[in-house]
Amino acid sequence: MEIPIDKQQLIGVRTTAATVQPMYKTIRATGRVEYDEKKLTTINVKVEGWIEKLYVDYTGRYVKKDEPVAEIYSPELLAAQQEYLNILALSRKQAAESRDNSEIGRMLQKDTESLLAAARQRLRLWDISEMQIDAPGENRQALADADAL
């Protein structure tokens, strides 16, 4: 259906040839830029201590998985590692000396193994990995500070 020209003039219809032109329209709006909360991670240290070395130098810096963030020093953790090493040394000494297989020797070995398991569990509860627990046992020296978080 076509609208007659006289009615087009009454309603104000205008026509022009079609051309390709860029269109600009500025839209101003308010907003807020935030982090994607699904990609944020919080690191909590479960032992008392202080930061010895900080690898992240500004807030908002991206870090990759397994990249160290900080090294901490914890006297409490150091004492727990030393306790574990002492029990480990006692266990090895008892194993080497228990040639007679007496009842008392077996009981002492069992008690020492229980203490060793408890010391390992204490370190695990502080999120110390099995590799970190075993590392001081290999060279029989407690780490001066925790591995990098």
Protein backbone atom coordinates (compact mmCIF):
# COMPACT_ATOMS: atom_id res chain seq x y z
CA MET A 1 0.00 0.00 0.00
CA GLU A 2 1.33 3.42 -0.94
CA ILE A 3 0.58 6.70 0.76
CA PRO A 4 -0.38 9.42 -1.73
CA ILE A 5 2.08 12.36 -2.03
CA ASP A 6 -0.39 14.92 -0.63
CA LYS A 7 -0.90 12.81 2.52
CA GLN A 8 2.91 12.29 2.81
CA GLN A 9 3.30 16.07 2.90
CA LEU A 10 0.62 16.36 5.60
CA ILE A 11 2.30 13.85 7.90
CA GLY A 12 5.84 15.17 7.20
CA VAL A 13 7.37 12.22 5.36
CA ARG A 14 10.74 13.01 3.81
CA THR A 15 12.81 10.80 1.57
CA THR A 16 16.45 10.91 0.58
CA ALA A 17 18.87 8.68 -1.28
CA ALA A 18 20.49 5.96 0.81
CA THR A 19 24.20 6.36 1.55
CA VAL A 20 26.74 4.55 3.70
CA GLN A 21 27.87 6.81 6.53
CA PRO A 22 29.32 6.13 9.98
CA MET A 23 26.84 6.59 12.77
CA TYR A 24 27.91 8.10 16.04
CA LYS A 25 25.93 8.06 19.20
CA THR A 26 27.56 8.82 22.52
CA ILE A 27 26.03 6.98 25.42
CA ARG A 28 27.06 8.04 28.89
CA ALA A 29 26.35 5.65 31.71
CA THR A 30 27.64 5.04 35.20
CA GLY A 31 29.15 1.74 36.18
CA ARG A 32 31.63 -0.02 38.39
CA VAL A 33 34.57 -2.18 37.35
CA GLU A 34 35.16 -5.15 39.65
CA TYR A 35 37.22 -8.33 39.74
CA ASP A 36 35.66 -11.58 38.61
CA GLU A 37 35.05 -13.11 42.04
CA LYS A 38 35.11 -16.63 40.60
CA LYS A 39 38.77 -16.13 39.70
CA LEU A 40 39.88 -14.64 43.04
CA THR A 41 41.68 -16.73 45.62
CA THR A 42 42.40 -15.93 49.24
CA ILE A 43 45.51 -17.24 50.91
CA ASN A 44 45.40 -17.82 54.65
CA VAL A 45 48.38 -18.86 56.69
CA LYS A 46 47.52 -21.25 59.49
CA VAL A 47 50.59 -20.62 61.63
CA GLU A 48 51.73 -17.56 63.49
CA GLY A 49 54.72 -15.82 62.02
CA TRP A 50 55.75 -13.01 59.74
CA ILE A 51 56.55 -12.44 56.08
CA GLU A 52 60.25 -12.71 55.35
CA LYS A 53 60.05 -12.11 51.60
CA LEU A 54 57.15 -10.82 49.50
CA TYR A 55 57.11 -11.73 45.81
CA VAL A 56 53.91 -9.84 44.90
CA ASP A 57 54.71 -6.14 44.78
CA TYR A 58 51.27 -4.53 44.25
CA THR A 59 47.60 -5.14 44.91
CA GLY A 60 45.75 -6.72 42.00
CA ARG A 61 48.83 -8.35 40.44
CA TYR A 62 48.00 -11.58 38.66
CA VAL A 63 49.80 -14.68 39.91
CA LYS A 64 49.91 -18.04 38.22
CA LYS A 65 49.15 -21.35 39.85
CA ASP A 66 52.08 -22.58 41.99
CA GLU A 67 53.83 -19.20 41.71
CA PRO A 68 55.21 -18.15 45.12
CA VAL A 69 53.53 -15.19 46.75
CA ALA A 70 55.53 -14.87 49.98
CA GLU A 71 57.94 -16.64 52.30
CA ILE A 72 57.02 -16.70 55.95
CA TYR A 73 59.02 -17.33 59.11
CA SER A 74 57.21 -19.08 61.92
CA PRO A 75 58.91 -20.06 65.18
CA GLU A 76 55.91 -22.31 65.90
CA LEU A 77 56.32 -24.15 62.59
CA LEU A 78 60.07 -24.41 63.08
CA ALA A 79 59.50 -25.96 66.53
CA ALA A 80 56.98 -28.45 65.07
CA GLN A 81 59.45 -29.44 62.34
CA GLN A 82 62.21 -29.88 64.91
CA GLU A 83 59.89 -32.02 67.04
CA TYR A 84 59.10 -34.18 64.00
CA LEU A 85 62.81 -34.56 63.23
CA ASN A 86 63.61 -35.54 66.82
CA ILE A 87 60.89 -38.18 66.83
CA LEU A 88 62.06 -39.40 63.41
CA ALA A 89 65.63 -39.72 64.70
CA LEU A 90 64.41 -41.57 67.80
CA SER A 91 62.37 -43.93 65.64
CA ARG A 92 65.36 -44.71 63.43
CA LYS A 93 67.58 -45.21 66.47
CA GLN A 94 65.08 -47.57 68.07
CA ALA A 95 64.73 -49.52 64.82
CA ALA A 96 68.51 -49.93 64.64
CA GLU A 97 68.83 -50.96 68.31
CA SER A 98 65.81 -53.28 68.54
CA ARG A 99 67.55 -56.50 67.66
CA ASP A 100 66.13 -58.42 70.60
CA ASN A 101 62.44 -57.88 69.65
CA SER A 102 61.43 -57.70 73.31
CA GLU A 103 57.94 -56.69 74.40
CA ILE A 104 59.22 -53.37 75.78
CA GLY A 105 61.11 -52.67 72.55
CA ARG A 106 57.98 -53.31 70.47
CA MET A 107 55.90 -51.08 72.75
CA LEU A 108 58.46 -48.28 72.55
CA GLN A 109 58.60 -48.59 68.77
CA LYS A 110 54.80 -48.50 68.57
CA ASP A 111 54.65 -45.40 70.81
CA THR A 112 57.34 -43.69 68.75
CA GLU A 113 55.44 -44.45 65.54
CA SER A 114 52.29 -42.95 67.10
CA LEU A 115 54.23 -39.81 68.06
CA LEU A 116 55.70 -39.62 64.56
CA ALA A 117 52.24 -39.93 62.96
CA ALA A 118 50.88 -37.23 65.29
CA ALA A 119 53.76 -34.87 64.45
CA ARG A 120 53.18 -35.44 60.72
CA GLN A 121 49.45 -34.82 61.14
CA ARG A 122 50.13 -31.57 63.01
CA LEU A 123 52.22 -30.35 60.07
CA ARG A 124 49.56 -31.50 57.58
CA LEU A 125 46.88 -29.54 59.45
CA TRP A 126 48.93 -26.41 58.77
CA ASP A 127 48.75 -27.28 55.05
CA ILE A 128 52.38 -28.38 54.88
CA SER A 129 52.66 -30.75 51.92
CA GLU A 130 54.01 -34.28 52.21
CA MET A 131 57.00 -33.22 50.12
CA GLN A 132 57.75 -30.35 52.53
CA ILE A 133 57.34 -32.65 55.54
CA ASP A 134 59.69 -35.24 54.09
CA ALA A 135 62.32 -32.73 52.90
CA PRO A 136 63.69 -31.88 56.37
CA GLY A 137 63.68 -35.59 57.23
CA GLU A 138 65.99 -36.34 54.32
CA ASN A 139 68.71 -33.94 55.43
CA ARG A 140 67.74 -34.01 59.14
CA GLN A 141 67.54 -30.23 59.42
CA ALA A 142 64.43 -28.13 59.96
CA LEU A 143 63.70 -25.44 57.44
CA ALA A 144 64.44 -21.96 58.73
CA ASP A 145 61.28 -20.66 57.13
CA ALA A 146 58.26 -22.09 55.40
CA ASP A 147 58.48 -22.62 51.69
CA ALA A 148 56.93 -19.88 49.66
CA LEU A 149 53.16 -19.75 49.91
